Amino acid sequence: GTDQRARFTVTSAGTGQGANPTITLTFKDGTWTVAPFVVV
């Protein structure tokens, strides 16, 4: 997919797992005119 709709996996690995980690996607095709509505 793209920064408009996508599917991806995150594999937890190594040590140091902690509460409430984040995944940050910087929109690849540039800044939206206004923040888009997103459903995850």
Full PDB file with SEQRES, HELIX, SHEET, SSBOND, CRYST1, ORIGX, SCALE, CONECT and MASTER records, all heavy atoms in Angstrom:
SEQRES   1 A   40  GLY THR ASP GLN ARG ALA ARG PHE THR VAL THR SER ALA          
SEQRES   2 A   40  GLY THR GLY GLN GLY ALA ASN PRO THR ILE THR LEU THR          
SEQRES   3 A   40  PHE LYS ASP GLY THR TRP THR VAL ALA PRO PHE VAL VAL          
SEQRES   4 A   40  VAL                                                          
CRYST1    1.000    1.000    1.000  90.00  90.00  90.00 P 1           1          
ORIGX1      1.000000  0.000000  0.000000        0.00000                         
ORIGX2      0.000000  1.000000  0.000000        0.00000                         
ORIGX3      0.000000  0.000000  1.000000        0.00000                         
SCALE1      1.000000  0.000000  0.000000        0.00000                         
SCALE2      0.000000  1.000000  0.000000        0.00000                         
SCALE3      0.000000  0.000000  1.000000        0.00000                         
ATOM      1  N   GLY A   1       0.801  -1.211   0.000  1.00  0.00           N  
ATOM      2  CA  GLY A   1       0.000   0.000   0.000  1.00  0.00           C  
ATOM      3  C   GLY A   1       0.836   1.264   0.000  1.00  0.00           C  
ATOM      4  O   GLY A   1       2.056   1.239  -0.176  1.00  0.00           O  
ATOM      5  N   THR A   2       0.132   2.364   0.196  1.00  0.00           N  
ATOM      6  CA  THR A   2       0.718   3.697   0.147  1.00  0.00           C  
ATOM      7  C   THR A   2       0.400   4.430   1.447  1.00  0.00           C  
ATOM      8  O   THR A   2      -0.219   3.863   2.348  1.00  0.00           O  
ATOM      9  CB  THR A   2       0.143   4.496  -1.032  1.00  0.00           C  
ATOM     10  OG1 THR A   2      -1.250   4.770  -0.769  1.00  0.00           O  
ATOM     11  CG2 THR A   2       0.267   3.739  -2.345  1.00  0.00           C  
ATOM     12  N   ASP A   3       0.768   5.716   1.506  1.00  0.00           N  
ATOM     13  CA  ASP A   3       0.453   6.449   2.735  1.00  0.00           C  
ATOM     14  C   ASP A   3      -1.005   6.890   2.793  1.00  0.00           C  
ATOM     15  O   ASP A   3      -1.408   7.590   3.705  1.00  0.00           O  
ATOM     16  CB  ASP A   3       1.418   7.618   2.961  1.00  0.00           C  
ATOM     17  CG  ASP A   3       1.342   8.704   1.912  1.00  0.00           C  
ATOM     18  OD1 ASP A   3       0.479   8.638   1.017  1.00  0.00           O  
ATOM     19  OD2 ASP A   3       2.159   9.634   2.002  1.00  0.00           O  
ATOM     20  N   GLN A   4      -1.810   6.436   1.853  1.00  0.00           N  
ATOM     21  CA  GLN A   4      -3.249   6.666   1.931  1.00  0.00           C  
ATOM     22  C   GLN A   4      -3.984   5.436   2.459  1.00  0.00           C  
ATOM     23  O   GLN A   4      -4.968   5.554   3.169  1.00  0.00           O  
ATOM     24  CB  GLN A   4      -3.820   7.071   0.579  1.00  0.00           C  
ATOM     25  CG  GLN A   4      -5.278   7.470   0.690  1.00  0.00           C  
ATOM     26  CD  GLN A   4      -5.821   8.076  -0.568  1.00  0.00           C  
ATOM     27  OE1 GLN A   4      -5.167   8.107  -1.609  1.00  0.00           O  
ATOM     28  NE2 GLN A   4      -7.043   8.560  -0.500  1.00  0.00           N  
ATOM     29  N   ARG A   5      -3.470   4.251   2.138  1.00  0.00           N  
ATOM     30  CA  ARG A   5      -4.021   3.021   2.698  1.00  0.00           C  
ATOM     31  C   ARG A   5      -2.947   1.960   2.598  1.00  0.00           C  
ATOM     32  O   ARG A   5      -2.244   1.857   1.598  1.00  0.00           O  
ATOM     33  CB  ARG A   5      -5.285   2.559   1.982  1.00  0.00           C  
ATOM     34  CG  ARG A   5      -5.048   2.302   0.501  1.00  0.00           C  
ATOM     35  CD  ARG A   5      -5.790   1.068   0.040  1.00  0.00           C  
ATOM     36  NE  ARG A   5      -5.404   0.743  -1.311  1.00  0.00           N  
ATOM     37  CZ  ARG A   5      -4.385  -0.062  -1.635  1.00  0.00           C  
ATOM     38  NH1 ARG A   5      -3.661  -0.626  -0.706  1.00  0.00           N  
ATOM     39  NH2 ARG A   5      -4.079  -0.303  -2.895  1.00  0.00           N  
ATOM     40  N   ALA A   6      -2.791   1.206   3.674  1.00  0.00           N  
ATOM     41  CA  ALA A   6      -1.723   0.203   3.670  1.00  0.00           C  
ATOM     42  C   ALA A   6      -1.982  -0.871   4.709  1.00  0.00           C  
ATOM     43  O   ALA A   6      -2.795  -0.715   5.615  1.00  0.00           O  
ATOM     44  CB  ALA A   6      -0.367   0.865   3.944  1.00  0.00           C  
ATOM     45  N   ARG A   7      -1.220  -1.966   4.546  1.00  0.00           N  
ATOM     46  CA  ARG A   7      -1.170  -3.057   5.519  1.00  0.00           C  
ATOM     47  C   ARG A   7       0.309  -3.340   5.752  1.00  0.00           C  
ATOM     48  O   ARG A   7       1.103  -3.346   4.821  1.00  0.00           O  
ATOM     49  CB  ARG A   7      -1.853  -4.300   4.956  1.00  0.00           C  
ATOM     50  CG  ARG A   7      -1.744  -5.518   5.874  1.00  0.00           C  
ATOM     51  CD  ARG A   7      -2.406  -6.753   5.264  1.00  0.00           C  
ATOM     52  NE  ARG A   7      -3.835  -6.531   5.104  1.00  0.00           N  
ATOM     53  CZ  ARG A   7      -4.499  -6.696   3.960  1.00  0.00           C  
ATOM     54  NH1 ARG A   7      -3.882  -7.085   2.870  1.00  0.00           N  
ATOM     55  NH2 ARG A   7      -5.789  -6.488   3.901  1.00  0.00           N  
ATOM     56  N   PHE A   8       0.673  -3.554   7.018  1.00  0.00           N  
ATOM     57  CA  PHE A   8       2.068  -3.844   7.341  1.00  0.00           C  
ATOM     58  C   PHE A   8       2.126  -4.617   8.648  1.00  0.00           C  
ATOM     59  O   PHE A   8       1.152  -4.667   9.399  1.00  0.00           O  
ATOM     60  CB  PHE A   8       2.903  -2.556   7.448  1.00  0.00           C  
ATOM     61  CG  PHE A   8       2.453  -1.623   8.538  1.00  0.00           C  
ATOM     62  CD1 PHE A   8       3.052  -1.659   9.793  1.00  0.00           C  
ATOM     63  CD2 PHE A   8       1.437  -0.712   8.327  1.00  0.00           C  
ATOM     64  CE1 PHE A   8       2.643  -0.807  10.813  1.00  0.00           C  
ATOM     65  CE2 PHE A   8       1.012   0.145   9.339  1.00  0.00           C  
ATOM     66  CZ  PHE A   8       1.621   0.095  10.577  1.00  0.00           C  
ATOM     67  N   THR A   9       3.271  -5.247   8.901  1.00  0.00           N  
ATOM     68  CA  THR A   9       3.459  -5.965  10.161  1.00  0.00           C  
ATOM     69  C   THR A   9       4.578  -5.323  10.967  1.00  0.00           C  
ATOM     70  O   THR A   9       5.491  -4.716  10.413  1.00  0.00           O  
ATOM     71  CB  THR A   9       3.808  -7.446   9.929  1.00  0.00           C  
ATOM     72  OG1 THR A   9       5.036  -7.525   9.209  1.00  0.00           O  
ATOM     73  CG2 THR A   9       2.709  -8.168   9.183  1.00  0.00           C  
ATOM     74  N   VAL A  10       4.469  -5.472  12.274  1.00  0.00           N  
ATOM     75  CA  VAL A  10       5.536  -5.094  13.195  1.00  0.00           C  
ATOM     76  C   VAL A  10       5.874  -6.343  13.994  1.00  0.00           C  
ATOM     77  O   VAL A  10       4.990  -6.977  14.574  1.00  0.00           O  
ATOM     78  CB  VAL A  10       5.102  -3.967  14.157  1.00  0.00           C  
ATOM     79  CG1 VAL A  10       6.170  -3.704  15.214  1.00  0.00           C  
ATOM     80  CG2 VAL A  10       4.783  -2.695  13.382  1.00  0.00           C  
ATOM     81  N   THR A  11       7.147  -6.719  13.994  1.00  0.00           N  
ATOM     82  CA  THR A  11       7.602  -7.860  14.770  1.00  0.00           C  
ATOM     83  C   THR A  11       8.382  -7.349  15.968  1.00  0.00           C  
ATOM     84  O   THR A  11       9.382  -6.640  15.811  1.00  0.00           O  
ATOM     85  CB  THR A  11       8.474  -8.807  13.935  1.00  0.00           C  
ATOM     86  OG1 THR A  11       7.691  -9.271  12.822  1.00  0.00           O  
ATOM     87  CG2 THR A  11       8.944 -10.005  14.757  1.00  0.00           C  
ATOM     88  N   SER A  12       7.903  -7.688  17.152  1.00  0.00           N  
ATOM     89  CA  SER A  12       8.596  -7.340  18.387  1.00  0.00           C  
ATOM     90  C   SER A  12       9.765  -8.306  18.542  1.00  0.00           C  
ATOM     91  O   SER A  12       9.593  -9.517  18.436  1.00  0.00           O  
ATOM     92  CB  SER A  12       7.628  -7.462  19.569  1.00  0.00           C  
ATOM     93  OG  SER A  12       8.293  -7.215  20.782  1.00  0.00           O  
ATOM     94  N   ALA A  13      10.963  -7.770  18.778  1.00  0.00           N  
ATOM     95  CA  ALA A  13      12.139  -8.645  18.863  1.00  0.00           C  
ATOM     96  C   ALA A  13      13.221  -7.989  19.710  1.00  0.00           C  
ATOM     97  O   ALA A  13      13.250  -6.779  19.882  1.00  0.00           O  
ATOM     98  CB  ALA A  13      12.678  -8.943  17.469  1.00  0.00           C  
ATOM     99  N   GLY A  14      14.089  -8.838  20.215  1.00  0.00           N  
ATOM    100  CA  GLY A  14      15.180  -8.348  21.049  1.00  0.00           C  
ATOM    101  C   GLY A  14      14.733  -8.190  22.491  1.00  0.00           C  
ATOM    102  O   GLY A  14      13.862  -8.914  22.970  1.00  0.00           O  
ATOM    103  N   THR A  15      15.309  -7.229  23.163  1.00  0.00           N  
ATOM    104  CA  THR A  15      14.987  -6.980  24.567  1.00  0.00           C  
ATOM    105  C   THR A  15      14.451  -5.568  24.733  1.00  0.00           C  
ATOM    106  O   THR A  15      14.518  -4.757  23.813  1.00  0.00           O  
ATOM    107  CB  THR A  15      16.240  -7.144  25.442  1.00  0.00           C  
ATOM    108  OG1 THR A  15      17.225  -6.197  25.000  1.00  0.00           O  
ATOM    109  CG2 THR A  15      16.799  -8.549  25.351  1.00  0.00           C  
ATOM    110  N   GLY A  16      13.931  -5.298  25.909  1.00  0.00           N  
ATOM    111  CA  GLY A  16      13.487  -3.939  26.223  1.00  0.00           C  
ATOM    112  C   GLY A  16      12.066  -3.620  25.833  1.00  0.00           C  
ATOM    113  O   GLY A  16      11.701  -2.447  25.726  1.00  0.00           O  
ATOM    114  N   GLN A  17      11.226  -4.632  25.646  1.00  0.00           N  
ATOM    115  CA  GLN A  17       9.831  -4.343  25.341  1.00  0.00           C  
ATOM    116  C   GLN A  17       9.250  -3.519  26.493  1.00  0.00           C  
ATOM    117  O   GLN A  17       9.512  -3.807  27.658  1.00  0.00           O  
ATOM    118  CB  GLN A  17       9.027  -5.636  25.157  1.00  0.00           C  
ATOM    119  CG  GLN A  17       9.205  -6.319  23.831  1.00  0.00           C  
ATOM    120  CD  GLN A  17      10.535  -7.020  23.657  1.00  0.00           C  
ATOM    121  OE1 GLN A  17      11.313  -7.178  24.584  1.00  0.00           O  
ATOM    122  NE2 GLN A  17      10.819  -7.449  22.448  1.00  0.00           N  
ATOM    123  N   GLY A  18       8.484  -2.499  26.130  1.00  0.00           N  
ATOM    124  CA  GLY A  18       7.925  -1.618  27.146  1.00  0.00           C  
ATOM    125  C   GLY A  18       6.521  -1.206  26.795  1.00  0.00           C  
ATOM    126  O   GLY A  18       6.037  -1.423  25.680  1.00  0.00           O  
ATOM    127  N   ALA A  19       5.855  -0.612  27.747  1.00  0.00           N  
ATOM    128  CA  ALA A  19       4.459  -0.226  27.596  1.00  0.00           C  
ATOM    129  C   ALA A  19       4.280   0.878  26.557  1.00  0.00           C  
ATOM    130  O   ALA A  19       5.074   1.815  26.476  1.00  0.00           O  
ATOM    131  CB  ALA A  19       3.905   0.239  28.939  1.00  0.00           C  
ATOM    132  N   ASN A  20       3.233   0.720  25.783  1.00  0.00           N  
ATOM    133  CA  ASN A  20       2.731   1.729  24.854  1.00  0.00           C  
ATOM    134  C   ASN A  20       3.739   2.213  23.808  1.00  0.00           C  
ATOM    135  O   ASN A  20       3.895   3.410  23.591  1.00  0.00           O  
ATOM    136  CB  ASN A  20       2.176   2.926  25.641  1.00  0.00           C  
ATOM    137  CG  ASN A  20       1.153   2.500  26.658  1.00  0.00           C  
ATOM    138  OD1 ASN A  20       0.314   1.641  26.384  1.00  0.00           O  
ATOM    139  ND2 ASN A  20       1.212   3.066  27.844  1.00  0.00           N  
ATOM    140  N   PRO A  21       4.414   1.285  23.115  1.00  0.00           N  
ATOM    141  CA  PRO A  21       5.334   1.725  22.063  1.00  0.00           C  
ATOM    142  C   PRO A  21       4.566   2.307  20.877  1.00  0.00           C  
ATOM    143  O   PRO A  21       3.369   2.053  20.707  1.00  0.00           O  
ATOM    144  CB  PRO A  21       6.062   0.443  21.676  1.00  0.00           C  
ATOM    145  CG  PRO A  21       5.070  -0.630  21.955  1.00  0.00           C  
ATOM    146  CD  PRO A  21       4.329  -0.171  23.183  1.00  0.00           C  
ATOM    147  N   THR A  22       5.272   3.073  20.050  1.00  0.00           N  
ATOM    148  CA  THR A  22       4.622   3.736  18.922  1.00  0.00           C  
ATOM    149  C   THR A  22       5.258   3.362  17.590  1.00  0.00           C  
ATOM    150  O   THR A  22       6.415   2.965  17.518  1.00  0.00           O  
ATOM    151  CB  THR A  22       4.683   5.272  19.067  1.00  0.00           C  
ATOM    152  OG1 THR A  22       6.048   5.675  19.131  1.00  0.00           O  
ATOM    153  CG2 THR A  22       3.920   5.738  20.300  1.00  0.00           C  
ATOM    154  N   ILE A  23       4.444   3.507  16.559  1.00  0.00           N  
ATOM    155  CA  ILE A  23       4.851   3.346  15.167  1.00  0.00           C  
ATOM    156  C   ILE A  23       4.579   4.693  14.509  1.00  0.00           C  
ATOM    157  O   ILE A  23       3.444   5.170  14.536  1.00  0.00           O  
ATOM    158  CB  ILE A  23       4.003   2.274  14.459  1.00  0.00           C  
ATOM    159  CG1 ILE A  23       4.021   0.967  15.229  1.00  0.00           C  
ATOM    160  CG2 ILE A  23       4.427   2.116  13.012  1.00  0.00           C  
ATOM    161  CD1 ILE A  23       2.831   0.067  14.908  1.00  0.00           C  
ATOM    162  N   THR A  24       5.590   5.314  13.948  1.00  0.00           N  
ATOM    163  CA  THR A  24       5.399   6.609  13.303  1.00  0.00           C  
ATOM    164  C   THR A  24       5.620   6.459  11.800  1.00  0.00           C  
ATOM    165  O   THR A  24       6.668   5.997  11.362  1.00  0.00           O  
ATOM    166  CB  THR A  24       6.369   7.659  13.868  1.00  0.00           C  
ATOM    167  OG1 THR A  24       6.142   7.789  15.270  1.00  0.00           O  
ATOM    168  CG2 THR A  24       6.169   9.017  13.197  1.00  0.00           C  
ATOM    169  N   LEU A  25       4.620   6.868  11.040  1.00  0.00           N  
ATOM    170  CA  LEU A  25       4.708   6.914   9.590  1.00  0.00           C  
ATOM    171  C   LEU A  25       4.714   8.374   9.177  1.00  0.00           C  
ATOM    172  O   LEU A  25       3.759   9.104   9.461  1.00  0.00           O  
ATOM    173  CB  LEU A  25       3.518   6.202   8.935  1.00  0.00           C  
ATOM    174  CG  LEU A  25       3.367   6.410   7.427  1.00  0.00           C  
ATOM    175  CD1 LEU A  25       4.546   5.803   6.666  1.00  0.00           C  
ATOM    176  CD2 LEU A  25       2.049   5.865   6.926  1.00  0.00           C  
ATOM    177  N   THR A  26       5.794   8.814   8.558  1.00  0.00           N  
ATOM    178  CA  THR A  26       5.818  10.148   7.962  1.00  0.00           C  
ATOM    179  C   THR A  26       5.278   9.987   6.549  1.00  0.00           C  
ATOM    180  O   THR A  26       5.787   9.173   5.770  1.00  0.00           O  
ATOM    181  CB  THR A  26       7.248  10.720   7.944  1.00  0.00           C  
ATOM    182  OG1 THR A  26       7.697  10.821   9.308  1.00  0.00           O  
ATOM    183  CG2 THR A  26       7.285  12.086   7.293  1.00  0.00           C  
ATOM    184  N   PHE A  27       4.229  10.723   6.232  1.00  0.00           N  
ATOM    185  CA  PHE A  27       3.552  10.534   4.952  1.00  0.00           C  
ATOM    186  C   PHE A  27       4.540  10.702   3.794  1.00  0.00           C  
ATOM    187  O   PHE A  27       5.179  11.736   3.646  1.00  0.00           O  
ATOM    188  CB  PHE A  27       2.359  11.476   4.822  1.00  0.00           C  
ATOM    189  CG  PHE A  27       1.254  11.173   5.794  1.00  0.00           C  
ATOM    190  CD1 PHE A  27       0.796  12.141   6.667  1.00  0.00           C  
ATOM    191  CD2 PHE A  27       0.676   9.915   5.839  1.00  0.00           C  
ATOM    192  CE1 PHE A  27      -0.227  11.863   7.568  1.00  0.00           C  
ATOM    193  CE2 PHE A  27      -0.346   9.622   6.737  1.00  0.00           C  
ATOM    194  CZ  PHE A  27      -0.797  10.604   7.601  1.00  0.00           C  
ATOM    195  N   LYS A  28       4.673   9.673   3.017  1.00  0.00           N  
ATOM    196  CA  LYS A  28       5.692   9.579   1.965  1.00  0.00           C  
ATOM    197  C   LYS A  28       5.440  10.541   0.809  1.00  0.00           C  
ATOM    198  O   LYS A  28       6.377  11.051   0.202  1.00  0.00           O  
ATOM    199  CB  LYS A  28       5.760   8.145   1.449  1.00  0.00           C  
ATOM    200  CG  LYS A  28       6.906   7.899   0.514  1.00  0.00           C  
ATOM    201  CD  LYS A  28       7.122   6.430   0.315  1.00  0.00           C  
ATOM    202  CE  LYS A  28       8.404   6.179  -0.435  1.00  0.00           C  
ATOM    203  NZ  LYS A  28       8.833   4.801  -0.306  1.00  0.00           N  
ATOM    204  N   ASP A  29       4.183  10.801   0.518  1.00  0.00           N  
ATOM    205  CA  ASP A  29       3.871  11.672  -0.613  1.00  0.00           C  
ATOM    206  C   ASP A  29       3.695  13.129  -0.188  1.00  0.00           C  
ATOM    207  O   ASP A  29       3.060  13.909  -0.890  1.00  0.00           O  
ATOM    208  CB  ASP A  29       2.632  11.157  -1.346  1.00  0.00           C  
ATOM    209  CG  ASP A  29       2.941   9.893  -2.127  1.00  0.00           C  
ATOM    210  OD1 ASP A  29       4.049   9.804  -2.683  1.00  0.00           O  
ATOM    211  OD2 ASP A  29       2.095   8.987  -2.163  1.00  0.00           O  
ATOM    212  N   GLY A  30       4.272  13.472   0.951  1.00  0.00           N  
ATOM    213  CA  GLY A  30       4.266  14.871   1.381  1.00  0.00           C  
ATOM    214  C   GLY A  30       3.129  15.213   2.322  1.00  0.00           C  
ATOM    215  O   GLY A  30       2.309  14.370   2.691  1.00  0.00           O  
ATOM    216  N   THR A  31       3.118  16.451   2.702  1.00  0.00           N  
ATOM    217  CA  THR A  31       2.160  16.974   3.671  1.00  0.00           C  
ATOM    218  C   THR A  31       0.769  17.054   3.055  1.00  0.00           C  
ATOM    219  O   THR A  31       0.603  17.536   1.934  1.00  0.00           O  
ATOM    220  CB  THR A  31       2.612  18.371   4.132  1.00  0.00           C  
ATOM    221  OG1 THR A  31       3.933  18.263   4.672  1.00  0.00           O  
ATOM    222  CG2 THR A  31       1.687  18.944   5.175  1.00  0.00           C  
ATOM    223  N   TRP A  32      -0.221  16.579   3.809  1.00  0.00           N  
ATOM    224  CA  TRP A  32      -1.621  16.739   3.403  1.00  0.00           C  
ATOM    225  C   TRP A  32      -1.982  18.219   3.580  1.00  0.00           C  
ATOM    226  O   TRP A  32      -1.392  18.913   4.400  1.00  0.00           O  
ATOM    227  CB  TRP A  32      -2.533  15.895   4.286  1.00  0.00           C  
ATOM    228  CG  TRP A  32      -2.410  14.407   4.100  1.00  0.00           C  
ATOM    229  CD1 TRP A  32      -1.379  13.618   4.504  1.00  0.00           C  
ATOM    230  CD2 TRP A  32      -3.351  13.540   3.489  1.00  0.00           C  
ATOM    231  NE1 TRP A  32      -1.621  12.301   4.184  1.00  0.00           N  
ATOM    232  CE2 TRP A  32      -2.835  12.230   3.558  1.00  0.00           C  
ATOM    233  CE3 TRP A  32      -4.594  13.733   2.892  1.00  0.00           C  
ATOM    234  CZ2 TRP A  32      -3.511  11.128   3.052  1.00  0.00           C  
ATOM    235  CZ3 TRP A  32      -5.269  12.628   2.390  1.00  0.00           C  
ATOM    236  CH2 TRP A  32      -4.729  11.350   2.467  1.00  0.00           C  
ATOM    237  N   THR A  33      -2.987  18.686   2.856  1.00  0.00           N  
ATOM    238  CA  THR A  33      -3.435  20.071   3.005  1.00  0.00           C  
ATOM    239  C   THR A  33      -3.900  20.325   4.431  1.00  0.00           C  
ATOM    240  O   THR A  33      -3.585  21.355   5.028  1.00  0.00           O  
ATOM    241  CB  THR A  33      -4.576  20.369   2.010  1.00  0.00           C  
ATOM    242  OG1 THR A  33      -4.118  20.047   0.701  1.00  0.00           O  
ATOM    243  CG2 THR A  33      -4.976  21.813   2.064  1.00  0.00           C  
ATOM    244  N   VAL A  34      -4.629  19.397   4.984  1.00  0.00           N  
ATOM    245  CA  VAL A  34      -5.021  19.380   6.402  1.00  0.00           C  
ATOM    246  C   VAL A  34      -4.836  17.948   6.877  1.00  0.00           C  
ATOM    247  O   VAL A  34      -4.725  17.027   6.072  1.00  0.00           O  
ATOM    248  CB  VAL A  34      -6.490  19.833   6.625  1.00  0.00           C  
ATOM    249  CG1 VAL A  34      -6.693  21.273   6.201  1.00  0.00           C  
ATOM    250  CG2 VAL A  34      -7.459  18.928   5.886  1.00  0.00           C  
ATOM    251  N   ALA A  35      -4.805  17.749   8.173  1.00  0.00           N  
ATOM    252  CA  ALA A  35      -4.664  16.394   8.710  1.00  0.00           C  
ATOM    253  C   ALA A  35      -5.797  15.514   8.176  1.00  0.00           C  
ATOM    254  O   ALA A  35      -6.967  15.888   8.261  1.00  0.00           O  
ATOM    255  CB  ALA A  35      -4.691  16.411  10.227  1.00  0.00           C  
ATOM    256  N   PRO A  36      -5.468  14.353   7.606  1.00  0.00           N  
ATOM    257  CA  PRO A  36      -6.514  13.476   7.082  1.00  0.00           C  
ATOM    258  C   PRO A  36      -7.273  12.781   8.210  1.00  0.00           C  
ATOM    259  O   PRO A  36      -6.802  12.713   9.348  1.00  0.00           O  
ATOM    260  CB  PRO A  36      -5.728  12.457   6.259  1.00  0.00           C  
ATOM    261  CG  PRO A  36      -4.393  12.395   6.922  1.00  0.00           C  
ATOM    262  CD  PRO A  36      -4.126  13.778   7.422  1.00  0.00           C  
ATOM    263  N   PHE A  37      -8.438  12.252   7.877  1.00  0.00           N  
ATOM    264  CA  PHE A  37      -9.158  11.368   8.784  1.00  0.00           C  
ATOM    265  C   PHE A  37      -8.556   9.989   8.592  1.00  0.00           C  
ATOM    266  O   PHE A  37      -8.380   9.537   7.466  1.00  0.00           O  
ATOM    267  CB  PHE A  37     -10.658  11.342   8.459  1.00  0.00           C  
ATOM    268  CG  PHE A  37     -11.341  12.644   8.722  1.00  0.00           C  
ATOM    269  CD1 PHE A  37     -11.554  13.543   7.689  1.00  0.00           C  
ATOM    270  CD2 PHE A  37     -11.750  12.985  10.000  1.00  0.00           C  
ATOM    271  CE1 PHE A  37     -12.179  14.752   7.919  1.00  0.00           C  
ATOM    272  CE2 PHE A  37     -12.379  14.197  10.243  1.00  0.00           C  
ATOM    273  CZ  PHE A  37     -12.592  15.083   9.200  1.00  0.00           C  
ATOM    274  N   VAL A  38      -8.230   9.303   9.682  1.00  0.00           N  
ATOM    275  CA  VAL A  38      -7.555   8.016   9.594  1.00  0.00           C  
ATOM    276  C   VAL A  38      -8.281   6.999  10.469  1.00  0.00           C  
ATOM    277  O   VAL A  38      -8.743   7.326  11.569  1.00  0.00           O  
ATOM    278  CB  VAL A  38      -6.079   8.130  10.047  1.00  0.00           C  
ATOM    279  CG1 VAL A  38      -5.396   6.772  10.054  1.00  0.00           C  
ATOM    280  CG2 VAL A  38      -5.318   9.089   9.148  1.00  0.00           C  
ATOM    281  N   VAL A  39      -8.370   5.766   9.979  1.00  0.00           N  
ATOM    282  CA  VAL A  39      -8.872   4.643  10.758  1.00  0.00           C  
ATOM    283  C   VAL A  39      -7.797   3.566  10.730  1.00  0.00           C  
ATOM    284  O   VAL A  39      -7.267   3.239   9.661  1.00  0.00           O  
ATOM    285  CB  VAL A  39     -10.192   4.080  10.180  1.00  0.00           C  
ATOM    286  CG1 VAL A  39     -10.649   2.866  10.976  1.00  0.00           C  
ATOM    287  CG2 VAL A  39     -11.267   5.153  10.167  1.00  0.00           C  
ATOM    288  N   VAL A  40      -7.458   3.021  11.898  1.00  0.00           N  
ATOM    289  CA  VAL A  40      -6.419   2.004  12.035  1.00  0.00           C  
ATOM    290  C   VAL A  40      -7.025   0.773  12.700  1.00  0.00           C  
ATOM    291  O   VAL A  40      -7.805   0.900  13.646  1.00  0.00           O  
ATOM    292  CB  VAL A  40      -5.248   2.522  12.910  1.00  0.00           C  
ATOM    293  CG1 VAL A  40      -4.186   1.453  13.084  1.00  0.00           C  
ATOM    294  CG2 VAL A  40      -4.651   3.790  12.320  1.00  0.00           C  
TER     295      VAL A  40                                                      
MASTER        0    0    0    0    0    0    0    6  294    1    0    4          
END                                                                             
